[in-house]
N, C-alpha and C. Protein backbone atom coordinates (compact mmCIF):
# COMPACT_ATOMS: atom_id res chain seq x y z
N MET A 1 -23.37 -2.20 -9.06
CA MET A 1 -24.02 -1.06 -8.81
C MET A 1 -23.14 0.14 -8.30
N ARG A 2 -23.03 1.20 -8.72
CA ARG A 2 -22.01 1.96 -8.04
C ARG A 2 -22.03 2.44 -6.76
N THR A 3 -21.47 2.55 -5.96
CA THR A 3 -21.29 3.17 -4.52
C THR A 3 -21.05 4.55 -4.40
N ASN A 4 -21.30 5.19 -3.27
CA ASN A 4 -21.04 6.76 -3.15
C ASN A 4 -19.69 6.81 -3.17
N PRO A 5 -19.17 7.58 -4.25
CA PRO A 5 -17.57 7.72 -3.84
C PRO A 5 -17.09 8.72 -2.77
N ASN A 6 -18.04 9.46 -2.07
CA ASN A 6 -17.97 10.44 -0.90
C ASN A 6 -17.87 9.33 0.29
N ARG A 7 -18.41 8.13 0.36
CA ARG A 7 -18.65 7.84 1.58
C ARG A 7 -17.21 7.18 2.23
N ARG A 8 -17.04 7.76 3.43
CA ARG A 8 -15.80 7.34 3.97
C ARG A 8 -15.84 6.18 5.39
N ARG A 9 -14.76 5.74 5.60
CA ARG A 9 -14.75 4.79 6.57
C ARG A 9 -15.17 5.13 7.82
N LYS A 10 -15.95 4.35 8.95
CA LYS A 10 -16.30 4.90 10.12
C LYS A 10 -15.36 5.75 10.98
N TRP A 11 -14.05 5.27 10.71
CA TRP A 11 -13.02 5.89 11.65
C TRP A 11 -12.40 6.95 10.85
N ALA A 12 -13.06 7.63 9.76
CA ALA A 12 -12.29 8.39 9.21
C ALA A 12 -13.49 9.59 8.85
N ARG A 13 -14.61 9.63 9.50
CA ARG A 13 -15.66 10.52 8.92
C ARG A 13 -15.03 12.08 9.47
N GLY A 14 -15.78 13.01 8.79
CA GLY A 14 -15.14 13.95 8.92
C GLY A 14 -14.11 14.60 7.89
N GLY A 15 -13.54 13.30 7.06
CA GLY A 15 -12.56 13.40 6.04
C GLY A 15 -11.19 13.75 6.49
N TRP A 16 -10.50 13.66 5.43
CA TRP A 16 -9.00 13.81 5.87
C TRP A 16 -8.40 14.19 4.41
N THR A 17 -7.36 14.82 4.46
CA THR A 17 -6.41 15.29 3.09
C THR A 17 -5.08 14.72 3.20
N PRO A 18 -4.82 13.68 2.38
CA PRO A 18 -3.39 13.24 2.18
C PRO A 18 -2.47 14.35 1.91
N PRO A 19 -1.09 14.21 2.49
CA PRO A 19 -0.24 15.23 2.14
C PRO A 19 0.19 15.04 0.74
N GLY A 20 0.72 16.42 0.11
CA GLY A 20 1.20 16.05 -1.32
C GLY A 20 0.23 15.83 -2.29
N THR A 21 0.69 15.28 -3.62
CA THR A 21 -0.14 14.84 -4.41
C THR A 21 -0.08 13.50 -4.60
N PRO A 22 -1.04 12.47 -4.29
CA PRO A 22 -0.80 11.12 -4.70
C PRO A 22 -1.18 10.62 -6.13
N TRP A 23 -0.23 9.77 -6.31
CA TRP A 23 -0.53 9.19 -7.54
C TRP A 23 -1.76 8.21 -7.70
N ALA A 24 -2.09 7.57 -6.63
CA ALA A 24 -3.42 7.03 -6.58
C ALA A 24 -3.65 6.54 -5.15
N TRP A 25 -4.86 6.57 -4.71
CA TRP A 25 -5.50 6.36 -3.39
C TRP A 25 -6.50 5.48 -3.19
N TRP A 26 -6.66 4.33 -2.75
CA TRP A 26 -7.65 3.61 -2.62
C TRP A 26 -8.29 3.09 -1.33
N TYR A 27 -9.47 3.41 -0.89
CA TYR A 27 -10.04 3.09 0.29
C TYR A 27 -11.63 2.63 0.33
N GLY A 28 -12.18 2.53 1.38
CA GLY A 28 -13.57 2.26 1.52
C GLY A 28 -14.32 1.31 0.38
N ASN A 29 -15.54 1.52 -0.01
CA ASN A 29 -15.99 0.62 -0.79
C ASN A 29 -16.74 0.92 -2.00
N ALA A 30 -15.99 2.17 -2.43
CA ALA A 30 -16.55 3.01 -3.74
C ALA A 30 -16.01 2.27 -5.01
N THR A 31 -16.99 1.89 -5.81
CA THR A 31 -16.48 1.35 -7.25
C THR A 31 -17.10 2.12 -8.58
N GLU A 32 -16.59 1.92 -9.70
CA GLU A 32 -16.88 2.40 -10.67
C GLU A 32 -18.04 1.50 -11.21
N ASP A 33 -18.57 2.13 -12.49
CA ASP A 33 -19.75 1.76 -13.23
C ASP A 33 -19.05 0.01 -13.82
N ASP A 34 -17.73 0.11 -14.28
CA ASP A 34 -17.21 -1.07 -14.80
C ASP A 34 -16.80 -2.03 -13.63
N GLY A 35 -16.99 -1.75 -12.43
CA GLY A 35 -16.72 -2.63 -11.40
C GLY A 35 -15.37 -2.56 -10.84
N LYS A 36 -14.39 -1.50 -11.18
CA LYS A 36 -13.10 -1.49 -10.81
C LYS A 36 -13.11 -0.50 -9.52
N TRP A 37 -12.14 -0.73 -8.50
CA TRP A 37 -12.19 0.02 -7.16
C TRP A 37 -11.69 1.25 -7.29
N THR A 38 -12.31 2.25 -6.94
CA THR A 38 -12.33 3.82 -7.34
C THR A 38 -11.09 4.33 -6.76
N ASP A 39 -10.25 5.07 -7.69
CA ASP A 39 -9.09 5.75 -7.17
C ASP A 39 -9.52 7.01 -6.71
N ARG A 40 -9.25 7.27 -5.21
CA ARG A 40 -9.81 8.38 -4.72
C ARG A 40 -8.91 9.90 -4.97
N SER A 41 -7.80 9.51 -5.53
CA SER A 41 -6.86 10.66 -5.71
C SER A 41 -7.44 11.48 -6.91
N GLY A 42 -8.28 11.02 -7.78
CA GLY A 42 -8.76 12.03 -8.74
C GLY A 42 -8.17 11.60 -9.96
N ASN A 43 -7.16 10.62 -10.31
CA ASN A 43 -6.19 10.45 -11.34
C ASN A 43 -6.80 9.49 -12.16
N GLY A 44 -7.99 8.90 -11.85
CA GLY A 44 -8.56 7.98 -12.59
C GLY A 44 -7.93 6.57 -12.63
N ARG A 45 -7.07 6.25 -11.86
CA ARG A 45 -6.25 4.91 -11.68
C ARG A 45 -7.20 3.89 -10.79
N HIS A 46 -8.28 3.60 -11.54
CA HIS A 46 -9.05 2.63 -10.75
C HIS A 46 -8.45 1.20 -10.77
N ALA A 47 -8.62 0.24 -9.74
CA ALA A 47 -7.88 -0.94 -9.59
C ALA A 47 -8.97 -1.86 -10.08
N THR A 48 -8.59 -2.88 -10.95
CA THR A 48 -9.30 -4.06 -11.38
C THR A 48 -9.19 -4.94 -10.47
N PHE A 49 -10.16 -6.04 -10.19
CA PHE A 49 -10.33 -7.13 -9.32
C PHE A 49 -9.89 -8.18 -9.83
N PHE A 50 -9.17 -8.86 -9.12
CA PHE A 50 -8.71 -10.33 -9.69
C PHE A 50 -9.37 -11.28 -8.52
N GLY A 51 -10.21 -12.38 -9.05
CA GLY A 51 -11.11 -13.14 -8.14
C GLY A 51 -12.05 -12.30 -7.60
N SER A 52 -12.72 -12.76 -6.56
CA SER A 52 -13.79 -12.23 -5.93
C SER A 52 -13.50 -11.49 -4.40
N PRO A 53 -12.51 -10.45 -4.25
CA PRO A 53 -12.37 -10.13 -3.04
C PRO A 53 -13.72 -9.57 -2.54
N SER A 54 -13.75 -9.22 -0.79
CA SER A 54 -14.68 -8.58 -0.39
C SER A 54 -14.67 -7.25 0.00
N LEU A 55 -15.45 -6.44 -0.62
CA LEU A 55 -15.26 -5.22 -0.49
C LEU A 55 -16.19 -4.40 0.36
N SER A 56 -15.87 -3.61 1.57
CA SER A 56 -16.64 -3.07 2.23
C SER A 56 -16.28 -1.59 2.89
N ILE A 57 -16.83 -0.97 3.65
CA ILE A 57 -16.65 0.55 4.15
C ILE A 57 -14.76 0.33 4.63
N ASN A 58 -14.57 -0.64 4.97
CA ASN A 58 -13.09 -0.70 5.54
C ASN A 58 -12.01 -1.34 4.45
N GLY A 59 -12.50 -1.00 3.17
CA GLY A 59 -11.64 -1.69 2.11
C GLY A 59 -11.71 -3.13 1.72
N LEU A 60 -10.56 -3.89 1.30
CA LEU A 60 -10.71 -4.86 0.81
C LEU A 60 -10.25 -6.25 1.87
N THR A 61 -11.15 -7.29 1.76
CA THR A 61 -10.91 -8.27 2.84
C THR A 61 -10.39 -9.43 1.76
N LEU A 62 -9.32 -10.12 1.77
CA LEU A 62 -8.70 -10.90 0.72
C LEU A 62 -8.60 -12.53 1.38
N ASP A 63 -8.70 -13.30 0.58
CA ASP A 63 -8.61 -14.79 1.08
C ASP A 63 -7.24 -15.59 0.55
N GLY A 64 -6.25 -14.79 0.22
CA GLY A 64 -5.24 -15.26 -0.25
C GLY A 64 -5.20 -15.96 -1.65
N SER A 65 -6.20 -15.43 -2.30
CA SER A 65 -6.17 -15.61 -3.93
C SER A 65 -6.89 -14.50 -4.80
N ALA A 66 -7.47 -13.62 -4.06
CA ALA A 66 -8.25 -12.54 -4.93
C ALA A 66 -7.24 -11.27 -4.53
N TYR A 67 -7.44 -10.31 -5.15
CA TYR A 67 -6.64 -9.01 -5.02
C TYR A 67 -7.22 -7.68 -5.89
N ALA A 68 -6.68 -6.84 -5.91
CA ALA A 68 -6.91 -5.76 -6.89
C ALA A 68 -5.28 -5.02 -7.66
N TYR A 69 -5.68 -4.60 -8.77
CA TYR A 69 -4.33 -4.45 -9.47
C TYR A 69 -4.50 -3.36 -10.40
N LEU A 70 -3.48 -2.70 -10.92
CA LEU A 70 -3.09 -1.91 -12.20
C LEU A 70 -2.22 -2.56 -13.05
N ALA A 71 -2.33 -2.15 -14.17
CA ALA A 71 -1.44 -2.80 -15.40
C ALA A 71 -0.01 -2.27 -15.17
N ALA A 72 0.26 -1.30 -14.37
CA ALA A 72 1.72 -0.77 -14.27
C ALA A 72 1.64 0.19 -13.10
N GLY A 73 2.78 0.24 -12.22
CA GLY A 73 2.92 1.20 -11.42
C GLY A 73 3.69 2.44 -11.76
N PRO A 74 3.86 3.44 -10.81
CA PRO A 74 4.24 4.80 -11.01
C PRO A 74 5.68 4.63 -11.61
N VAL A 75 6.10 5.71 -12.34
CA VAL A 75 7.50 6.17 -12.76
C VAL A 75 8.12 6.84 -11.45
N THR A 76 9.36 6.28 -10.86
CA THR A 76 9.35 7.02 -9.87
C THR A 76 11.30 7.34 -9.92
N LEU A 77 11.35 8.73 -10.79
CA LEU A 77 12.69 8.65 -11.25
C LEU A 77 13.23 9.47 -10.05
N THR A 78 12.76 10.19 -9.17
CA THR A 78 13.32 10.84 -7.84
C THR A 78 12.99 10.58 -6.57
N GLY A 79 12.08 9.91 -6.49
CA GLY A 79 11.50 9.50 -5.16
C GLY A 79 10.22 8.68 -5.34
N PHE A 80 9.67 8.02 -4.00
CA PHE A 80 8.72 7.32 -4.07
C PHE A 80 8.18 7.12 -2.73
N THR A 81 6.77 6.94 -2.57
CA THR A 81 6.41 6.48 -1.34
C THR A 81 5.13 5.60 -1.50
N MET A 82 4.95 4.75 -0.56
CA MET A 82 3.71 3.75 -0.66
C MET A 82 3.44 3.57 0.75
N ALA A 83 2.08 3.56 0.84
CA ALA A 83 1.69 3.21 2.38
C ALA A 83 0.44 2.75 2.57
N CYS A 84 -0.36 2.05 3.30
CA CYS A 84 -1.35 1.60 3.62
C CYS A 84 -1.84 1.08 5.06
N TRP A 85 -2.98 0.76 5.39
CA TRP A 85 -3.31 0.05 6.63
C TRP A 85 -3.63 -1.34 6.32
N VAL A 86 -3.15 -2.46 6.95
CA VAL A 86 -3.22 -3.79 6.80
C VAL A 86 -3.47 -4.56 8.00
N ARG A 87 -4.26 -5.83 8.11
CA ARG A 87 -4.34 -6.64 9.01
C ARG A 87 -4.36 -7.91 8.57
N LEU A 88 -3.19 -8.61 8.73
CA LEU A 88 -3.10 -10.23 8.26
C LEU A 88 -4.08 -10.99 9.04
N THR A 89 -4.99 -11.73 8.69
CA THR A 89 -5.62 -12.70 9.50
C THR A 89 -5.09 -14.05 9.16
N ALA A 90 -3.92 -14.47 8.27
CA ALA A 90 -3.32 -15.61 8.48
C ALA A 90 -1.89 -15.63 8.68
N ALA A 91 -1.30 -15.76 9.55
CA ALA A 91 -0.08 -15.55 9.93
C ALA A 91 0.94 -16.64 9.30
N GLY A 92 2.22 -16.32 9.00
CA GLY A 92 3.16 -17.19 8.55
C GLY A 92 3.47 -16.90 6.98
N GLY A 93 4.73 -17.58 6.57
CA GLY A 93 4.78 -17.66 5.11
C GLY A 93 5.11 -16.08 4.74
N LEU A 94 5.00 -15.84 3.17
CA LEU A 94 4.99 -14.85 2.50
C LEU A 94 3.87 -14.26 2.09
N GLN A 95 3.40 -13.00 2.31
CA GLN A 95 2.22 -12.20 1.84
C GLN A 95 2.40 -11.02 1.35
N GLY A 96 2.05 -10.93 -0.01
CA GLY A 96 2.23 -9.45 -0.53
C GLY A 96 0.97 -8.91 -0.20
N ILE A 97 1.69 -7.29 -0.09
CA ILE A 97 0.48 -6.33 0.67
C ILE A 97 0.50 -5.50 -0.49
N MET A 98 1.48 -4.83 -0.87
CA MET A 98 1.49 -3.55 -2.17
C MET A 98 2.52 -3.75 -3.27
N GLY A 99 2.69 -3.49 -4.11
CA GLY A 99 3.56 -3.09 -5.30
C GLY A 99 3.72 -4.73 -6.08
N ASN A 100 5.15 -5.07 -6.42
CA ASN A 100 5.47 -6.00 -7.11
C ASN A 100 6.77 -6.57 -7.02
N TRP A 101 6.78 -7.62 -6.53
CA TRP A 101 8.29 -8.16 -6.12
C TRP A 101 8.75 -8.79 -7.18
N ILE A 102 9.70 -8.42 -8.20
CA ILE A 102 10.14 -9.13 -9.20
C ILE A 102 11.32 -9.81 -9.01
N GLY A 103 11.92 -9.16 -7.94
CA GLY A 103 13.40 -9.35 -7.90
C GLY A 103 14.55 -9.12 -8.68
N GLY A 104 14.30 -7.90 -9.29
CA GLY A 104 14.76 -7.33 -10.42
C GLY A 104 14.95 -5.99 -10.03
N GLN A 105 15.68 -5.02 -11.04
CA GLN A 105 15.33 -3.54 -11.12
C GLN A 105 14.24 -2.88 -11.75
N SER A 106 13.39 -3.45 -11.28
CA SER A 106 11.87 -2.81 -11.59
C SER A 106 10.83 -3.26 -10.53
N ASP A 107 11.19 -3.30 -9.55
CA ASP A 107 10.23 -3.78 -8.29
C ASP A 107 10.28 -2.53 -7.26
N TYR A 108 9.12 -2.35 -6.58
CA TYR A 108 8.74 -2.03 -5.20
C TYR A 108 7.62 -2.60 -4.52
N ALA A 109 8.00 -2.99 -3.46
CA ALA A 109 7.04 -3.94 -2.78
C ALA A 109 6.88 -3.47 -1.24
N LEU A 110 5.91 -3.79 -0.58
CA LEU A 110 5.38 -4.05 0.94
C LEU A 110 5.22 -5.44 1.04
N ILE A 111 5.86 -6.37 1.96
CA ILE A 111 5.66 -7.72 2.01
C ILE A 111 5.77 -8.34 3.47
N ALA A 112 4.82 -9.21 3.60
CA ALA A 112 4.81 -9.71 5.25
C ALA A 112 5.72 -10.97 5.28
N ILE A 113 6.52 -11.14 5.63
CA ILE A 113 7.23 -12.57 6.20
C ILE A 113 7.06 -12.85 7.55
N ASN A 114 6.09 -13.82 7.72
CA ASN A 114 5.87 -14.38 9.06
C ASN A 114 5.86 -13.13 10.16
N SER A 115 4.86 -12.15 9.70
CA SER A 115 4.48 -11.08 10.54
C SER A 115 5.63 -9.91 10.83
N THR A 116 6.46 -9.90 9.90
CA THR A 116 7.51 -8.88 9.93
C THR A 116 7.49 -8.18 8.62
N LEU A 117 7.78 -6.92 8.49
CA LEU A 117 7.70 -6.00 7.32
C LEU A 117 8.76 -6.35 6.39
N LEU A 118 8.76 -6.53 5.12
CA LEU A 118 9.72 -6.31 4.23
C LEU A 118 9.58 -5.19 3.09
N ALA A 119 10.35 -3.85 3.34
CA ALA A 119 9.82 -3.09 2.50
C ALA A 119 11.25 -3.12 1.44
N ALA A 120 10.69 -3.09 0.10
CA ALA A 120 11.74 -2.99 -0.93
C ALA A 120 11.70 -1.82 -1.79
N TYR A 121 12.58 -1.74 -2.70
CA TYR A 121 12.63 -0.38 -3.68
C TYR A 121 13.72 -1.21 -4.75
N ASN A 122 13.43 -1.18 -5.86
CA ASN A 122 14.86 -1.64 -6.76
C ASN A 122 15.27 -2.70 -6.21
N ASN A 123 14.83 -3.70 -5.89
CA ASN A 123 15.38 -4.92 -5.51
C ASN A 123 16.33 -4.62 -4.31
N THR A 124 16.12 -3.67 -3.55
CA THR A 124 17.03 -3.24 -2.39
C THR A 124 15.87 -3.40 -1.25
N GLN A 125 16.09 -4.07 -0.31
CA GLN A 125 15.47 -4.49 0.74
C GLN A 125 15.86 -3.53 1.90
N SER A 126 14.79 -2.90 2.50
CA SER A 126 14.85 -2.22 3.94
C SER A 126 15.84 -3.23 4.71
N ASN A 127 16.66 -2.50 5.53
CA ASN A 127 17.80 -3.35 6.11
C ASN A 127 17.78 -4.12 7.61
N THR A 128 16.31 -4.13 8.07
CA THR A 128 15.79 -4.77 8.97
C THR A 128 14.35 -4.76 9.17
N LEU A 129 13.92 -6.10 9.36
CA LEU A 129 12.72 -6.54 9.45
C LEU A 129 12.04 -6.02 10.75
N ILE A 130 10.71 -5.30 10.53
CA ILE A 130 10.17 -4.71 11.68
C ILE A 130 8.64 -5.64 11.92
N ALA A 131 8.58 -6.19 13.20
CA ALA A 131 7.60 -7.19 13.45
C ALA A 131 6.32 -6.38 13.52
N PHE A 132 5.32 -6.94 13.43
CA PHE A 132 4.02 -6.41 13.78
C PHE A 132 3.02 -7.81 14.29
N THR A 133 1.91 -7.52 14.68
CA THR A 133 1.22 -8.45 15.26
C THR A 133 -0.16 -8.75 14.17
N SER A 134 -0.08 -10.14 13.89
CA SER A 134 -1.10 -10.76 12.87
C SER A 134 -2.44 -10.26 13.60
N GLY A 135 -3.66 -9.97 12.67
CA GLY A 135 -4.90 -9.76 13.50
C GLY A 135 -5.27 -8.45 13.92
N VAL A 136 -4.30 -7.67 13.92
CA VAL A 136 -4.29 -6.13 14.21
C VAL A 136 -4.15 -5.22 13.35
N TRP A 137 -4.71 -4.12 13.23
CA TRP A 137 -4.59 -3.20 12.05
C TRP A 137 -3.24 -2.42 12.46
N VAL A 138 -2.27 -2.44 11.39
CA VAL A 138 -0.94 -1.66 11.27
C VAL A 138 -0.77 -0.87 10.17
N HIS A 139 -0.12 0.33 10.31
CA HIS A 139 0.17 1.10 9.07
C HIS A 139 1.54 1.06 8.45
N ILE A 140 1.60 0.77 7.64
CA ILE A 140 3.26 -0.05 7.06
C ILE A 140 3.45 0.97 5.63
N ALA A 141 4.60 1.28 5.82
CA ALA A 141 5.03 2.28 4.33
C ALA A 141 6.38 2.07 3.84
N VAL A 142 6.70 2.47 2.81
CA VAL A 142 8.20 2.24 2.33
C VAL A 142 8.47 3.78 1.58
N ARG A 143 9.65 4.04 1.92
CA ARG A 143 9.93 5.47 0.85
C ARG A 143 11.25 5.29 0.32
N TRP A 144 11.40 5.85 -0.85
CA TRP A 144 12.87 5.72 -1.46
C TRP A 144 13.20 7.41 -1.54
N THR A 145 14.16 7.80 -0.91
CA THR A 145 14.37 9.53 -1.19
C THR A 145 15.16 9.91 -2.23
N GLY A 146 15.68 8.77 -3.05
CA GLY A 146 16.88 9.24 -3.99
C GLY A 146 18.02 8.89 -3.54
N ASP A 147 18.02 8.56 -2.28
CA ASP A 147 19.45 8.15 -1.87
C ASP A 147 19.31 7.07 -0.88
N VAL A 148 18.14 6.57 -0.06
CA VAL A 148 18.04 5.73 0.64
C VAL A 148 16.68 4.81 0.56
N VAL A 149 16.46 3.69 0.99
CA VAL A 149 15.17 2.81 1.15
C VAL A 149 14.87 2.94 2.90
N ILE A 150 13.62 3.35 2.98
CA ILE A 150 13.17 2.80 4.36
C ILE A 150 11.75 2.44 4.56
N GLY A 151 11.71 1.34 5.33
CA GLY A 151 10.56 0.90 5.82
C GLY A 151 10.05 1.43 7.08
N TYR A 152 8.56 1.21 7.28
CA TYR A 152 7.88 1.75 8.42
C TYR A 152 6.79 1.31 8.97
N VAL A 153 6.48 0.87 10.21
CA VAL A 153 5.47 0.21 10.71
C VAL A 153 5.01 1.33 11.82
N ASN A 154 3.86 1.48 11.67
CA ASN A 154 3.18 2.49 12.67
C ASN A 154 4.27 3.87 12.91
N THR A 155 4.83 4.08 11.71
CA THR A 155 5.60 5.47 11.51
C THR A 155 6.89 5.24 12.29
N THR A 156 7.20 3.98 12.81
CA THR A 156 8.65 3.74 13.29
C THR A 156 9.41 3.20 12.16
N PRO A 157 10.69 3.60 11.69
CA PRO A 157 11.47 3.39 10.64
C PRO A 157 12.38 2.34 11.01
N ASN A 158 12.81 1.71 10.02
CA ASN A 158 13.84 0.76 10.30
C ASN A 158 15.27 1.42 9.72
N THR A 159 16.29 0.65 9.58
CA THR A 159 17.44 1.49 9.18
C THR A 159 17.72 1.60 7.59
N PRO A 160 17.85 2.88 7.36
CA PRO A 160 17.93 3.05 6.15
C PRO A 160 19.11 2.13 5.38
N VAL A 161 18.93 2.00 3.82
CA VAL A 161 19.65 1.44 2.95
C VAL A 161 19.86 2.13 1.90
N SER A 162 21.43 2.27 1.89
CA SER A 162 21.86 3.31 0.57
C SER A 162 21.31 2.81 -0.51
N LEU A 163 20.79 3.69 -1.73
CA LEU A 163 20.40 3.27 -2.99
C LEU A 163 20.06 4.62 -3.73
N GLU A 164 20.87 4.44 -4.87
CA GLU A 164 20.74 6.09 -5.54
C GLU A 164 20.12 5.65 -7.08
N THR A 165 19.73 4.51 -7.05
CA THR A 165 19.29 4.14 -8.54
C THR A 165 17.68 4.00 -8.50
N ALA A 166 17.09 4.63 -9.45
CA ALA A 166 15.70 4.44 -9.40
C ALA A 166 15.10 3.11 -10.31
N ALA A 167 14.04 3.04 -9.55
CA ALA A 167 13.66 1.43 -10.36
C ALA A 167 13.18 1.71 -11.72
N GLU A 168 13.24 0.47 -12.42
CA GLU A 168 12.54 0.71 -13.97
C GLU A 168 10.90 0.70 -14.00
N ASN A 169 10.48 0.38 -12.79
CA ASN A 169 8.77 0.22 -12.42
C ASN A 169 8.47 -1.15 -12.98
N PRO A 170 7.55 -1.56 -11.84
CA PRO A 170 6.97 -3.11 -12.40
C PRO A 170 5.88 -3.03 -13.34
N PRO A 171 5.83 -3.79 -14.16
CA PRO A 171 4.57 -4.18 -15.07
C PRO A 171 3.40 -4.26 -14.59
N LYS A 172 3.05 -4.64 -13.42
CA LYS A 172 1.85 -4.90 -12.82
C LYS A 172 2.12 -4.42 -11.11
N PHE A 173 1.09 -3.84 -10.71
CA PHE A 173 1.09 -3.20 -9.48
C PHE A 173 -0.16 -3.77 -8.76
N GLY A 174 0.21 -4.14 -7.49
CA GLY A 174 -1.05 -5.01 -6.97
C GLY A 174 -1.35 -4.23 -5.54
N ILE A 175 -2.70 -4.37 -5.25
CA ILE A 175 -3.04 -4.05 -3.83
C ILE A 175 -3.51 -5.44 -3.03
N GLY A 176 -2.98 -5.85 -1.92
CA GLY A 176 -3.08 -7.14 -1.63
C GLY A 176 -2.56 -8.19 -2.43
N TRP A 177 -1.51 -7.72 -3.20
CA TRP A 177 -0.84 -8.76 -3.98
C TRP A 177 0.84 -8.03 -4.25
N ALA A 178 1.70 -8.65 -4.21
CA ALA A 178 2.96 -8.19 -4.75
C ALA A 178 3.91 -9.38 -5.09
N TYR A 179 3.36 -10.43 -5.91
CA TYR A 179 3.76 -11.52 -6.36
C TYR A 179 3.09 -12.59 -5.52
N TRP A 180 3.12 -12.56 -4.00
CA TRP A 180 2.37 -13.31 -3.09
C TRP A 180 0.92 -12.78 -2.76
N VAL A 181 0.14 -13.39 -2.41
CA VAL A 181 -1.35 -12.75 -2.11
C VAL A 181 -1.34 -12.57 -0.82
N LEU A 182 -2.07 -11.67 -0.42
CA LEU A 182 -2.55 -11.20 1.13
C LEU A 182 -3.71 -11.97 1.38
N THR A 183 -3.47 -12.64 2.79
CA THR A 183 -4.92 -13.20 3.56
C THR A 183 -5.11 -12.09 4.72
N GLY A 184 -6.18 -11.36 4.39
CA GLY A 184 -6.58 -10.42 5.59
C GLY A 184 -7.23 -9.24 4.92
N ASP A 185 -6.70 -7.98 5.41
CA ASP A 185 -7.46 -6.84 5.22
C ASP A 185 -6.75 -5.67 4.73
N ILE A 186 -7.19 -4.88 3.77
CA ILE A 186 -6.16 -3.61 3.46
C ILE A 186 -7.05 -2.44 2.98
N THR A 187 -6.76 -1.07 3.33
CA THR A 187 -7.13 -0.05 3.01
C THR A 187 -6.48 1.10 3.20
N ASP A 188 -7.02 2.52 2.77
CA ASP A 188 -5.93 3.58 2.47
C ASP A 188 -4.78 3.24 1.92
N ALA A 189 -4.91 2.41 0.74
CA ALA A 189 -3.56 1.93 0.06
C ALA A 189 -3.02 3.47 -0.90
N ILE A 190 -1.91 4.02 -0.52
CA ILE A 190 -1.91 5.33 -1.13
C ILE A 190 -0.51 4.92 -1.68
N VAL A 191 -0.04 6.00 -2.85
CA VAL A 191 1.20 5.67 -3.55
C VAL A 191 1.38 7.42 -4.28
N TYR A 192 2.66 7.39 -4.03
CA TYR A 192 3.39 8.58 -4.47
C TYR A 192 4.17 8.50 -5.44
N ASP A 193 4.65 9.31 -6.94
CA ASP A 193 5.74 9.09 -7.43
C ASP A 193 6.90 10.23 -7.09
N THR A 194 6.73 10.32 -5.54
CA THR A 194 7.69 11.25 -5.12
C THR A 194 8.05 11.02 -3.89
N ASP A 195 9.00 11.48 -3.04
CA ASP A 195 9.02 10.95 -1.73
C ASP A 195 8.59 12.17 -0.72
N ILE A 196 7.49 11.75 0.14
CA ILE A 196 6.80 12.72 0.68
C ILE A 196 7.46 13.01 2.15
N GLY A 197 8.52 12.14 2.23
CA GLY A 197 9.37 12.42 3.53
C GLY A 197 8.44 11.88 5.06
N ALA A 198 9.58 11.32 5.98
CA ALA A 198 8.91 11.14 7.43
C ALA A 198 7.85 11.81 7.71
N ASP A 199 7.67 13.02 7.77
CA ASP A 199 6.84 13.91 8.00
C ASP A 199 5.50 13.56 7.35
N GLY A 200 5.41 13.34 6.16
CA GLY A 200 4.26 12.85 5.08
C GLY A 200 3.97 11.75 5.72
N ILE A 201 4.70 10.73 5.97
CA ILE A 201 4.39 8.95 6.69
C ILE A 201 3.58 9.53 7.97
N ALA A 202 4.24 10.32 8.90
CA ALA A 202 3.34 10.71 10.11
C ALA A 202 2.08 11.43 9.99
N ASN A 203 2.19 12.11 8.83
CA ASN A 203 0.84 12.98 8.69
C ASN A 203 -0.31 12.01 8.24
N ILE A 204 0.01 11.20 7.51
CA ILE A 204 -1.17 9.98 7.06
C ILE A 204 -1.41 9.15 8.26
N TYR A 205 -0.47 8.82 8.88
CA TYR A 205 -0.67 8.22 10.06
C TYR A 205 -1.72 8.80 11.20
N ALA A 206 -0.96 10.05 11.38
CA ALA A 206 -1.97 10.62 12.47
C ALA A 206 -3.58 10.96 11.99
N GLN A 207 -3.53 11.59 10.61
CA GLN A 207 -4.85 11.74 10.12
C GLN A 207 -5.88 10.43 10.33
N SER A 208 -5.26 9.55 9.86
CA SER A 208 -6.20 8.40 9.76
C SER A 208 -5.95 7.24 10.99
N THR A 209 -5.43 7.73 12.16
CA THR A 209 -5.49 7.00 13.44
C THR A 209 -6.68 6.97 13.88
N GLY A 210 -6.94 5.58 14.62
CA GLY A 210 -8.25 5.27 14.64
C GLY A 210 -8.56 3.84 14.30
N LYS A 211 -8.01 3.44 13.21
CA LYS A 211 -7.96 2.20 12.79
C LYS A 211 -9.02 1.91 12.19
N PRO A 212 -9.34 1.08 11.42
CA PRO A 212 -10.64 0.64 10.49
C PRO A 212 -11.15 -0.25 11.71
N THR A 213 -12.43 -0.54 11.60
CA THR A 213 -13.22 -1.26 12.43
C THR A 213 -13.49 -2.69 12.09
């Protein structure tokens, strides 16, 4: 049964508008007639479910085996941004949050390693891992500016890493998956095929601050 695509999370009542033009944006519990998770950007990139994730007004709740995905990610020749709210409910090990970690020149990913963030683009990892607390909602992101890769936790950046070569783009793009699978919750998963800048990351965080419940 199709849910109301205009229904928003409790913590975002009144609505908010992402900066720029998202390539795709998933949140809340709206699904299409074919059961896919509705892409709120209006671009029709509805995500297919693998397994049986729990879908609520707070987004996806994942058990370490289920996730959502697209057959391919965006082409990112001049810049890239990816961000989401996430809450780990099982600490430790490797957990894929968004993207696809291939370990070659065709990947971009947000990955949790023992409750620290690894933000990667084109097999280039952000220079320092930023710690965050399991069981608490945090906002994480990665940008490729065309020159550097930068990861963020609650808008705090890590040290940029130089990179001037665009990724070839992964053949599969996951939400709650990036080769490894997430155990926890994820919402407001948003992707751009451009760099929206540090101000764009701050804009998303500020508008959606209040955290899912």
